[in-house]
């Protein structure tokens, strides 16, 4: 934490990570229970936010929900124009 305060770029990265986690937390009530474990908060790049998804099936379900999720985030004061989904590759 002390190192993050001394380095502006590290402090910014820490803040973006915290913001990404807060965004995902605010969506938990909108995401069906079985899908919640399949999603991780990803990077924020300007007005675009990335959600990391562990399978194609989970991503397909989430794609249908994106307009509602984006609208909910905006109503909560988050500046999100678009949510992008990235499917995590299995490393087996």
PDB file of N, CA and C in Angstrom:
ATOM      1  N   UNK A   1       0.831  -1.189   0.000  1.00  0.00           N
ATOM      2  CA  UNK A   1       0.000   0.000   0.000  1.00  0.00           C
ATOM      3  C   UNK A   1       0.879   1.258   0.000  1.00  0.00           C
ATOM      4  N   UNK A   2       1.945   1.218   0.781  1.00  0.00           N
ATOM      5  CA  UNK A   2       2.850   2.364   0.840  1.00  0.00           C
ATOM      6  C   UNK A   2       3.522   2.609  -0.509  1.00  0.00           C
ATOM      7  N   UNK A   3       3.910   1.519  -1.189  1.00  0.00           N
ATOM      8  CA  UNK A   3       4.534   1.651  -2.509  1.00  0.00           C
ATOM      9  C   UNK A   3       3.555   2.256  -3.512  1.00  0.00           C
ATOM     10  N   UNK A   4       2.294   1.878  -3.409  1.00  0.00           N
ATOM     11  CA  UNK A   4       1.283   2.413  -4.317  1.00  0.00           C
ATOM     12  C   UNK A   4       1.110   3.910  -4.125  1.00  0.00           C
ATOM     13  N   UNK A   5       1.234   4.370  -2.898  1.00  0.00           N
ATOM     14  CA  UNK A   5       1.086   5.798  -2.631  1.00  0.00           C
ATOM     15  C   UNK A   5       2.266   6.598  -3.154  1.00  0.00           C
ATOM     16  N   UNK A   6       3.442   5.968  -3.206  1.00  0.00           N
ATOM     17  CA  UNK A   6       4.640   6.672  -3.652  1.00  0.00           C
ATOM     18  C   UNK A   6       4.778   6.694  -5.168  1.00  0.00           C
ATOM     19  N   UNK A   7       4.127   5.794  -5.869  1.00  0.00           N
ATOM     20  CA  UNK A   7       4.210   5.727  -7.327  1.00  0.00           C
ATOM     21  C   UNK A   7       2.863   6.085  -7.935  1.00  0.00           C
ATOM     22  N   UNK A   8       2.782   7.185  -8.680  1.00  0.00           N
ATOM     23  CA  UNK A   8       1.502   7.575  -9.274  1.00  0.00           C
ATOM     24  C   UNK A   8       0.897   6.506 -10.185  1.00  0.00           C
ATOM     25  N   UNK A   9       1.725   5.841 -10.979  1.00  0.00           N
ATOM     26  CA  UNK A   9       1.177   4.831 -11.887  1.00  0.00           C
ATOM     27  C   UNK A   9       0.673   3.613 -11.122  1.00  0.00           C
ATOM     28  N   UNK A  10       1.371   3.225 -10.072  1.00  0.00           N
ATOM     29  CA  UNK A  10       0.920   2.104  -9.258  1.00  0.00           C
ATOM     30  C   UNK A  10      -0.340   2.482  -8.478  1.00  0.00           C
ATOM     31  N   UNK A  11      -0.395   3.718  -8.011  1.00  0.00           N
ATOM     32  CA  UNK A  11      -1.591   4.189  -7.314  1.00  0.00           C
ATOM     33  C   UNK A  11      -2.799   4.183  -8.251  1.00  0.00           C
ATOM     34  N   UNK A  12      -2.601   4.573  -9.495  1.00  0.00           N
ATOM     35  CA  UNK A  12      -3.688   4.578 -10.483  1.00  0.00           C
ATOM     36  C   UNK A  12      -4.151   3.158 -10.767  1.00  0.00           C
ATOM     37  N   UNK A  13      -3.216   2.237 -10.915  1.00  0.00           N
ATOM     38  CA  UNK A  13      -3.558   0.838 -11.154  1.00  0.00           C
ATOM     39  C   UNK A  13      -4.335   0.253  -9.973  1.00  0.00           C
ATOM     40  N   UNK A  14      -3.923   0.587  -8.774  1.00  0.00           N
ATOM     41  CA  UNK A  14      -4.624   0.131  -7.570  1.00  0.00           C
ATOM     42  C   UNK A  14      -6.054   0.671  -7.553  1.00  0.00           C
ATOM     43  N   UNK A  15      -6.224   1.933  -7.910  1.00  0.00           N
ATOM     44  CA  UNK A  15      -7.554   2.546  -7.942  1.00  0.00           C
ATOM     45  C   UNK A  15      -8.439   1.897  -9.004  1.00  0.00           C
ATOM     46  N   UNK A  16      -7.888   1.619 -10.177  1.00  0.00           N
ATOM     47  CA  UNK A  16      -8.660   0.967 -11.242  1.00  0.00           C
ATOM     48  C   UNK A  16      -9.078  -0.446 -10.835  1.00  0.00           C
ATOM     49  N   UNK A  17      -8.207  -1.152 -10.155  1.00  0.00           N
ATOM     50  CA  UNK A  17      -8.536  -2.497  -9.674  1.00  0.00           C
ATOM     51  C   UNK A  17      -9.664  -2.436  -8.662  1.00  0.00           C
ATOM     52  N   UNK A  18      -9.591  -1.488  -7.763  1.00  0.00           N
ATOM     53  CA  UNK A  18     -10.648  -1.313  -6.765  1.00  0.00           C
ATOM     54  C   UNK A  18     -11.973  -0.945  -7.430  1.00  0.00           C
ATOM     55  N   UNK A  19     -11.929  -0.036  -8.392  1.00  0.00           N
ATOM     56  CA  UNK A  19     -13.133   0.383  -9.114  1.00  0.00           C
ATOM     57  C   UNK A  19     -13.750  -0.786  -9.874  1.00  0.00           C
ATOM     58  N   UNK A  20     -12.923  -1.607 -10.499  1.00  0.00           N
ATOM     59  CA  UNK A  20     -13.416  -2.758 -11.250  1.00  0.00           C
ATOM     60  C   UNK A  20     -14.135  -3.733 -10.317  1.00  0.00           C
ATOM     61  N   UNK A  21     -13.557  -3.978  -9.158  1.00  0.00           N
ATOM     62  CA  UNK A  21     -14.186  -4.866  -8.174  1.00  0.00           C
ATOM     63  C   UNK A  21     -15.512  -4.297  -7.668  1.00  0.00           C
ATOM     64  N   UNK A  22     -15.557  -2.987  -7.459  1.00  0.00           N
ATOM     65  CA  UNK A  22     -16.806  -2.344  -7.019  1.00  0.00           C
ATOM     66  C   UNK A  22     -17.898  -2.470  -8.077  1.00  0.00           C
ATOM     67  N   UNK A  23     -17.524  -2.334  -9.329  1.00  0.00           N
ATOM     68  CA  UNK A  23     -18.499  -2.467 -10.415  1.00  0.00           C
ATOM     69  C   UNK A  23     -19.099  -3.870 -10.426  1.00  0.00           C
ATOM     70  N   UNK A  24     -18.239  -4.876 -10.319  1.00  0.00           N
ATOM     71  CA  UNK A  24     -18.740  -6.250 -10.324  1.00  0.00           C
ATOM     72  C   UNK A  24     -19.632  -6.501  -9.110  1.00  0.00           C
ATOM     73  N   UNK A  25     -19.234  -5.988  -7.982  1.00  0.00           N
ATOM     74  CA  UNK A  25     -20.047  -6.156  -6.765  1.00  0.00           C
ATOM     75  C   UNK A  25     -21.429  -5.524  -6.931  1.00  0.00           C
ATOM     76  N   UNK A  26     -21.498  -4.377  -7.594  1.00  0.00           N
ATOM     77  CA  UNK A  26     -22.790  -3.711  -7.771  1.00  0.00           C
ATOM     78  C   UNK A  26     -23.713  -4.477  -8.719  1.00  0.00           C
ATOM     79  N   UNK A  27     -23.142  -5.380  -9.528  1.00  0.00           N
ATOM     80  CA  UNK A  27     -23.946  -6.162 -10.479  1.00  0.00           C
ATOM     81  C   UNK A  27     -24.408  -7.508  -9.917  1.00  0.00           C
ATOM     82  N   UNK A  28     -23.906  -7.913  -8.774  1.00  0.00           N
ATOM     83  CA  UNK A  28     -24.160  -9.252  -8.257  1.00  0.00           C
ATOM     84  C   UNK A  28     -25.646  -9.603  -8.168  1.00  0.00           C
ATOM     85  N   UNK A  29     -26.484  -8.665  -7.817  1.00  0.00           N
ATOM     86  CA  UNK A  29     -27.919  -8.969  -7.695  1.00  0.00           C
ATOM     87  C   UNK A  29     -28.589  -9.160  -9.048  1.00  0.00           C
ATOM     88  N   UNK A  30     -27.974  -8.659 -10.113  1.00  0.00           N
ATOM     89  CA  UNK A  30     -28.546  -8.803 -11.455  1.00  0.00           C
ATOM     90  C   UNK A  30     -28.093 -10.069 -12.170  1.00  0.00           C
ATOM     91  N   UNK A  31     -26.988 -10.622 -11.711  1.00  0.00           N
ATOM     92  CA  UNK A  31     -26.414 -11.805 -12.360  1.00  0.00           C
ATOM     93  C   UNK A  31     -26.971 -13.062 -11.691  1.00  0.00           C
ATOM     94  N   UNK A  32     -27.520 -13.986 -12.481  1.00  0.00           N
ATOM     95  CA  UNK A  32     -28.050 -15.224 -11.896  1.00  0.00           C
ATOM     96  C   UNK A  32     -26.983 -15.963 -11.079  1.00  0.00           C
ATOM     97  N   UNK A  33     -27.394 -16.541  -9.978  1.00  0.00           N
ATOM     98  CA  UNK A  33     -26.485 -17.222  -9.056  1.00  0.00           C
ATOM     99  C   UNK A  33     -25.484 -18.156  -9.711  1.00  0.00           C
ATOM    100  N   UNK A  34     -25.923 -19.058 -10.594  1.00  0.00           N
ATOM    101  CA  UNK A  34     -24.972 -19.989 -11.204  1.00  0.00           C
ATOM    102  C   UNK A  34     -23.886 -19.306 -12.046  1.00  0.00           C
ATOM    103  N   UNK A  35     -24.149 -18.100 -12.529  1.00  0.00           N
ATOM    104  CA  UNK A  35     -23.158 -17.390 -13.356  1.00  0.00           C
ATOM    105  C   UNK A  35     -22.140 -16.610 -12.531  1.00  0.00           C
ATOM    106  N   UNK A  36     -22.480 -16.292 -11.302  1.00  0.00           N
ATOM    107  CA  UNK A  36     -21.617 -15.407 -10.506  1.00  0.00           C
ATOM    108  C   UNK A  36     -20.201 -15.939 -10.355  1.00  0.00           C
ATOM    109  N   UNK A  37     -20.058 -17.237 -10.168  1.00  0.00           N
ATOM    110  CA  UNK A  37     -18.731 -17.815 -10.004  1.00  0.00           C
ATOM    111  C   UNK A  37     -17.933 -17.892 -11.288  1.00  0.00           C
ATOM    112  N   UNK A  38     -18.579 -17.662 -12.412  1.00  0.00           N
ATOM    113  CA  UNK A  38     -17.916 -17.754 -13.712  1.00  0.00           C
ATOM    114  C   UNK A  38     -17.349 -16.418 -14.178  1.00  0.00           C
ATOM    115  N   UNK A  39     -17.519 -15.366 -13.377  1.00  0.00           N
ATOM    116  CA  UNK A  39     -17.161 -14.009 -13.805  1.00  0.00           C
ATOM    117  C   UNK A  39     -16.147 -13.400 -12.843  1.00  0.00           C
ATOM    118  N   UNK A  40     -15.175 -12.707 -13.417  1.00  0.00           N
ATOM    119  CA  UNK A  40     -14.203 -11.948 -12.627  1.00  0.00           C
ATOM    120  C   UNK A  40     -14.150 -10.522 -13.163  1.00  0.00           C
ATOM    121  N   UNK A  41     -13.843  -9.597 -12.285  1.00  0.00           N
ATOM    122  CA  UNK A  41     -13.659  -8.210 -12.709  1.00  0.00           C
ATOM    123  C   UNK A  41     -12.375  -8.101 -13.509  1.00  0.00           C
ATOM    124  N   UNK A  42     -12.452  -7.405 -14.626  1.00  0.00           N
ATOM    125  CA  UNK A  42     -11.287  -7.226 -15.484  1.00  0.00           C
ATOM    126  C   UNK A  42     -10.865  -5.770 -15.552  1.00  0.00           C
ATOM    127  N   UNK A  43     -10.023  -5.449 -16.518  1.00  0.00           N
ATOM    128  CA  UNK A  43      -9.475  -4.101 -16.613  1.00  0.00           C
ATOM    129  C   UNK A  43     -10.494  -3.053 -17.077  1.00  0.00           C
ATOM    130  N   UNK A  44     -10.238  -1.838 -16.669  1.00  0.00           N
ATOM    131  CA  UNK A  44     -11.011  -0.673 -17.113  1.00  0.00           C
ATOM    132  C   UNK A  44     -10.116   0.109 -18.064  1.00  0.00           C
ATOM    133  N   UNK A  45     -10.637   0.387 -19.242  1.00  0.00           N
ATOM    134  CA  UNK A  45      -9.897   1.174 -20.236  1.00  0.00           C
ATOM    135  C   UNK A  45     -10.806   2.290 -20.714  1.00  0.00           C
ATOM    136  N   UNK A  46     -10.664   3.447 -20.107  1.00  0.00           N
ATOM    137  CA  UNK A  46     -11.530   4.574 -20.437  1.00  0.00           C
ATOM    138  C   UNK A  46     -12.958   4.271 -20.026  1.00  0.00           C
ATOM    139  N   UNK A  47     -13.890   4.359 -20.985  1.00  0.00           N
ATOM    140  CA  UNK A  47     -15.304   4.100 -20.704  1.00  0.00           C
ATOM    141  C   UNK A  47     -15.685   2.649 -20.985  1.00  0.00           C
ATOM    142  N   UNK A  48     -14.676   1.809 -21.271  1.00  0.00           N
ATOM    143  CA  UNK A  48     -14.939   0.398 -21.540  1.00  0.00           C
ATOM    144  C   UNK A  48     -14.423  -0.438 -20.370  1.00  0.00           C
ATOM    145  N   UNK A  49     -15.236  -1.393 -19.953  1.00  0.00           N
ATOM    146  CA  UNK A  49     -14.877  -2.275 -18.846  1.00  0.00           C
ATOM    147  C   UNK A  49     -14.920  -3.709 -19.337  1.00  0.00           C
ATOM    148  N   UNK A  50     -13.975  -4.501 -18.916  1.00  0.00           N
ATOM    149  CA  UNK A  50     -13.892  -5.886 -19.348  1.00  0.00           C
ATOM    150  C   UNK A  50     -14.271  -6.819 -18.205  1.00  0.00           C
ATOM    151  N   UNK A  51     -15.118  -7.776 -18.511  1.00  0.00           N
ATOM    152  CA  UNK A  51     -15.426  -8.854 -17.577  1.00  0.00           C
ATOM    153  C   UNK A  51     -14.742 -10.113 -18.087  1.00  0.00           C
ATOM    154  N   UNK A  52     -14.078 -10.819 -17.207  1.00  0.00           N
ATOM    155  CA  UNK A  52     -13.413 -12.062 -17.546  1.00  0.00           C
ATOM    156  C   UNK A  52     -14.365 -13.206 -17.237  1.00  0.00           C
ATOM    157  N   UNK A  53     -14.604 -14.056 -18.229  1.00  0.00           N
ATOM    158  CA  UNK A  53     -15.607 -15.115 -18.119  1.00  0.00           C
ATOM    159  C   UNK A  53     -14.925 -16.458 -18.365  1.00  0.00           C
ATOM    160  N   UNK A  54     -15.299 -17.487 -17.592  1.00  0.00           N
ATOM    161  CA  UNK A  54     -14.566 -18.752 -17.682  1.00  0.00           C
ATOM    162  C   UNK A  54     -15.073 -19.735 -18.733  1.00  0.00           C
ATOM    163  N   UNK A  55     -16.149 -19.391 -19.457  1.00  0.00           N
ATOM    164  CA  UNK A  55     -16.624 -20.324 -20.488  1.00  0.00           C
ATOM    165  C   UNK A  55     -17.422 -19.599 -21.560  1.00  0.00           C
ATOM    166  N   UNK A  56     -17.507 -20.244 -22.719  1.00  0.00           N
ATOM    167  CA  UNK A  56     -18.311 -19.697 -23.812  1.00  0.00           C
ATOM    168  C   UNK A  56     -19.782 -19.634 -23.436  1.00  0.00           C
ATOM    169  N   UNK A  57     -20.265 -20.648 -22.719  1.00  0.00           N
ATOM    170  CA  UNK A  57     -21.676 -20.679 -22.328  1.00  0.00           C
ATOM    171  C   UNK A  57     -22.017 -19.513 -21.408  1.00  0.00           C
ATOM    172  N   UNK A  58     -21.166 -19.245 -20.436  1.00  0.00           N
ATOM    173  CA  UNK A  58     -21.397 -18.118 -19.528  1.00  0.00           C
ATOM    174  C   UNK A  58     -21.348 -16.798 -20.288  1.00  0.00           C
ATOM    175  N   UNK A  59     -20.419 -16.682 -21.228  1.00  0.00           N
ATOM    176  CA  UNK A  59     -20.320 -15.459 -22.024  1.00  0.00           C
ATOM    177  C   UNK A  59     -21.576 -15.249 -22.865  1.00  0.00           C
ATOM    178  N   UNK A  60     -22.115 -16.334 -23.424  1.00  0.00           N
ATOM    179  CA  UNK A  60     -23.336 -16.222 -24.239  1.00  0.00           C
ATOM    180  C   UNK A  60     -24.501 -15.712 -23.398  1.00  0.00           C
ATOM    181  N   UNK A  61     -24.634 -16.228 -22.191  1.00  0.00           N
ATOM    182  CA  UNK A  61     -25.709 -15.755 -21.293  1.00  0.00           C
ATOM    183  C   UNK A  61     -25.507 -14.280 -20.946  1.00  0.00           C
ATOM    184  N   UNK A  62     -24.264 -13.919 -20.624  1.00  0.00           N
ATOM    185  CA  UNK A  62     -23.983 -12.532 -20.239  1.00  0.00           C
ATOM    186  C   UNK A  62     -24.203 -11.554 -21.381  1.00  0.00           C
ATOM    187  N   UNK A  63     -23.880 -11.974 -22.599  1.00  0.00           N
ATOM    188  CA  UNK A  63     -24.082 -11.079 -23.761  1.00  0.00           C
ATOM    189  C   UNK A  63     -25.525 -10.598 -23.838  1.00  0.00           C
ATOM    190  N   UNK A  64     -26.454 -11.476 -23.504  1.00  0.00           N
ATOM    191  CA  UNK A  64     -27.868 -11.110 -23.526  1.00  0.00           C
ATOM    192  C   UNK A  64     -28.202 -10.076 -22.458  1.00  0.00           C
ATOM    193  N   UNK A  65     -27.422 -10.051 -21.402  1.00  0.00           N
ATOM    194  CA  UNK A  65     -27.689  -9.159 -20.269  1.00  0.00           C
ATOM    195  C   UNK A  65     -26.934  -7.830 -20.338  1.00  0.00           C
ATOM    196  N   UNK A  66     -26.012  -7.691 -21.281  1.00  0.00           N
ATOM    197  CA  UNK A  66     -25.129  -6.519 -21.293  1.00  0.00           C
ATOM    198  C   UNK A  66     -25.854  -5.177 -21.283  1.00  0.00           C
ATOM    199  N   UNK A  67     -26.897  -4.968 -22.093  1.00  0.00           N
ATOM    200  CA  UNK A  67     -27.560  -3.659 -22.037  1.00  0.00           C
ATOM    201  C   UNK A  67     -28.093  -3.322 -20.636  1.00  0.00           C
ATOM    202  N   UNK A  68     -28.664  -4.296 -19.968  1.00  0.00           N
ATOM    203  CA  UNK A  68     -29.187  -4.056 -18.616  1.00  0.00           C
ATOM    204  C   UNK A  68     -28.057  -3.813 -17.618  1.00  0.00           C
ATOM    205  N   UNK A  69     -26.967  -4.550 -17.748  1.00  0.00           N
ATOM    206  CA  UNK A  69     -25.824  -4.373 -16.837  1.00  0.00           C
ATOM    207  C   UNK A  69     -25.189  -2.998 -17.029  1.00  0.00           C
ATOM    208  N   UNK A  70     -25.033  -2.596 -18.291  1.00  0.00           N
ATOM    209  CA  UNK A  70     -24.458  -1.279 -18.574  1.00  0.00           C
ATOM    210  C   UNK A  70     -25.353  -0.168 -18.027  1.00  0.00           C
ATOM    211  N   UNK A  71     -26.649  -0.287 -18.232  1.00  0.00           N
ATOM    212  CA  UNK A  71     -27.593   0.717 -17.735  1.00  0.00           C
ATOM    213  C   UNK A  71     -27.551   0.787 -16.208  1.00  0.00           C
ATOM    214  N   UNK A  72     -27.472  -0.361 -15.567  1.00  0.00           N
ATOM    215  CA  UNK A  72     -27.413  -0.388 -14.098  1.00  0.00           C
ATOM    216  C   UNK A  72     -26.153   0.314 -13.599  1.00  0.00           C
ATOM    217  N   UNK A  73     -25.016   0.035 -14.217  1.00  0.00           N
ATOM    218  CA  UNK A  73     -23.775   0.683 -13.798  1.00  0.00           C
ATOM    219  C   UNK A  73     -23.859   2.195 -13.959  1.00  0.00           C
ATOM    220  N   UNK A  74     -24.409   2.636 -15.087  1.00  0.00           N
ATOM    221  CA  UNK A  74     -24.553   4.085 -15.293  1.00  0.00           C
ATOM    222  C   UNK A  74     -25.475   4.694 -14.240  1.00  0.00           C
ATOM    223  N   UNK A  75     -26.540   3.982 -13.885  1.00  0.00           N
ATOM    224  CA  UNK A  75     -27.467   4.507 -12.872  1.00  0.00           C
ATOM    225  C   UNK A  75     -26.816   4.582 -11.485  1.00  0.00           C
ATOM    226  N   UNK A  76     -25.749   3.798 -11.299  1.00  0.00           N
ATOM    227  CA  UNK A  76     -25.011   3.810 -10.039  1.00  0.00           C
ATOM    228  C   UNK A  76     -23.863   4.818 -10.048  1.00  0.00           C
ATOM    229  N   UNK A  77     -23.728   5.573 -11.151  1.00  0.00           N
ATOM    230  CA  UNK A  77     -22.706   6.607 -11.231  1.00  0.00           C
ATOM    231  C   UNK A  77     -21.387   6.170 -11.853  1.00  0.00           C
ATOM    232  N   UNK A  78     -21.332   4.958 -12.384  1.00  0.00           N
ATOM    233  CA  UNK A  78     -20.109   4.489 -13.039  1.00  0.00           C
ATOM    234  C   UNK A  78     -20.130   4.939 -14.508  1.00  0.00           C
ATOM    235  N   UNK A  79     -19.005   5.423 -14.985  1.00  0.00           N
ATOM    236  CA  UNK A  79     -18.950   5.892 -16.379  1.00  0.00           C
ATOM    237  C   UNK A  79     -18.561   4.730 -17.294  1.00  0.00           C
ATOM    238  N   UNK A  80     -19.556   3.919 -17.624  1.00  0.00           N
ATOM    239  CA  UNK A  80     -19.350   2.745 -18.482  1.00  0.00           C
ATOM    240  C   UNK A  80     -20.197   2.907 -19.736  1.00  0.00           C
ATOM    241  N   UNK A  81     -19.547   2.960 -20.876  1.00  0.00           N
ATOM    242  CA  UNK A  81     -20.274   2.999 -22.140  1.00  0.00           C
ATOM    243  C   UNK A  81     -20.457   1.603 -22.698  1.00  0.00           C
ATOM    244  N   UNK A  82     -19.470   0.730 -22.421  1.00  0.00           N
ATOM    245  CA  UNK A  82     -19.513  -0.605 -22.994  1.00  0.00           C
ATOM    246  C   UNK A  82     -18.843  -1.597 -22.051  1.00  0.00           C
ATOM    247  N   UNK A  83     -19.454  -2.772 -21.940  1.00  0.00           N
ATOM    248  CA  UNK A  83     -18.827  -3.887 -21.233  1.00  0.00           C
ATOM    249  C   UNK A  83     -18.364  -4.878 -22.292  1.00  0.00           C
ATOM    250  N   UNK A  84     -17.107  -5.241 -22.210  1.00  0.00           N
ATOM    251  CA  UNK A  84     -16.522  -6.218 -23.123  1.00  0.00           C
ATOM    252  C   UNK A  84     -16.318  -7.513 -22.353  1.00  0.00           C
ATOM    253  N   UNK A  85     -16.559  -8.639 -22.997  1.00  0.00           N
ATOM    254  CA  UNK A  85     -16.361  -9.944 -22.358  1.00  0.00           C
ATOM    255  C   UNK A  85     -15.113 -10.597 -22.934  1.00  0.00           C
ATOM    256  N   UNK A  86     -14.308 -11.167 -22.051  1.00  0.00           N
ATOM    257  CA  UNK A  86     -13.143 -11.919 -22.493  1.00  0.00           C
ATOM    258  C   UNK A  86     -13.215 -13.297 -21.869  1.00  0.00           C
ATOM    259  N   UNK A  87     -13.165 -14.304 -22.716  1.00  0.00           N
ATOM    260  CA  UNK A  87     -13.237 -15.689 -22.233  1.00  0.00           C
ATOM    261  C   UNK A  87     -11.833 -16.148 -21.855  1.00  0.00           C
ATOM    262  N   UNK A  88     -11.718 -16.606 -20.630  1.00  0.00           N
ATOM    263  CA  UNK A  88     -10.435 -17.092 -20.135  1.00  0.00           C
ATOM    264  C   UNK A  88     -10.153 -18.470 -20.719  1.00  0.00           C
ATOM    265  N   UNK A  89      -8.938 -18.676 -21.125  1.00  0.00           N
ATOM    266  CA  UNK A  89      -8.538 -19.971 -21.690  1.00  0.00           C
ATOM    267  C   UNK A  89      -8.198 -20.930 -20.564  1.00  0.00           C
ATOM    268  N   UNK A  90      -8.594 -22.176 -20.718  1.00  0.00           N
ATOM    269  CA  UNK A  90      -8.215 -23.211 -19.750  1.00  0.00           C
ATOM    270  C   UNK A  90      -6.727 -23.477 -19.886  1.00  0.00           C
ATOM    271  N   UNK A  91      -6.045 -23.612 -18.762  1.00  0.00           N
ATOM    272  CA  UNK A  91      -4.596 -23.848 -18.783  1.00  0.00           C
ATOM    273  C   UNK A  91      -4.279 -25.272 -18.329  1.00  0.00           C
ATOM    274  N   UNK A  92      -5.070 -26.215 -18.771  1.00  0.00           N
ATOM    275  CA  UNK A  92      -4.849 -27.618 -18.381  1.00  0.00           C
ATOM    276  C   UNK A  92      -3.839 -28.263 -19.275  1.00  0.00           C
TER     277      UNK A  92
END
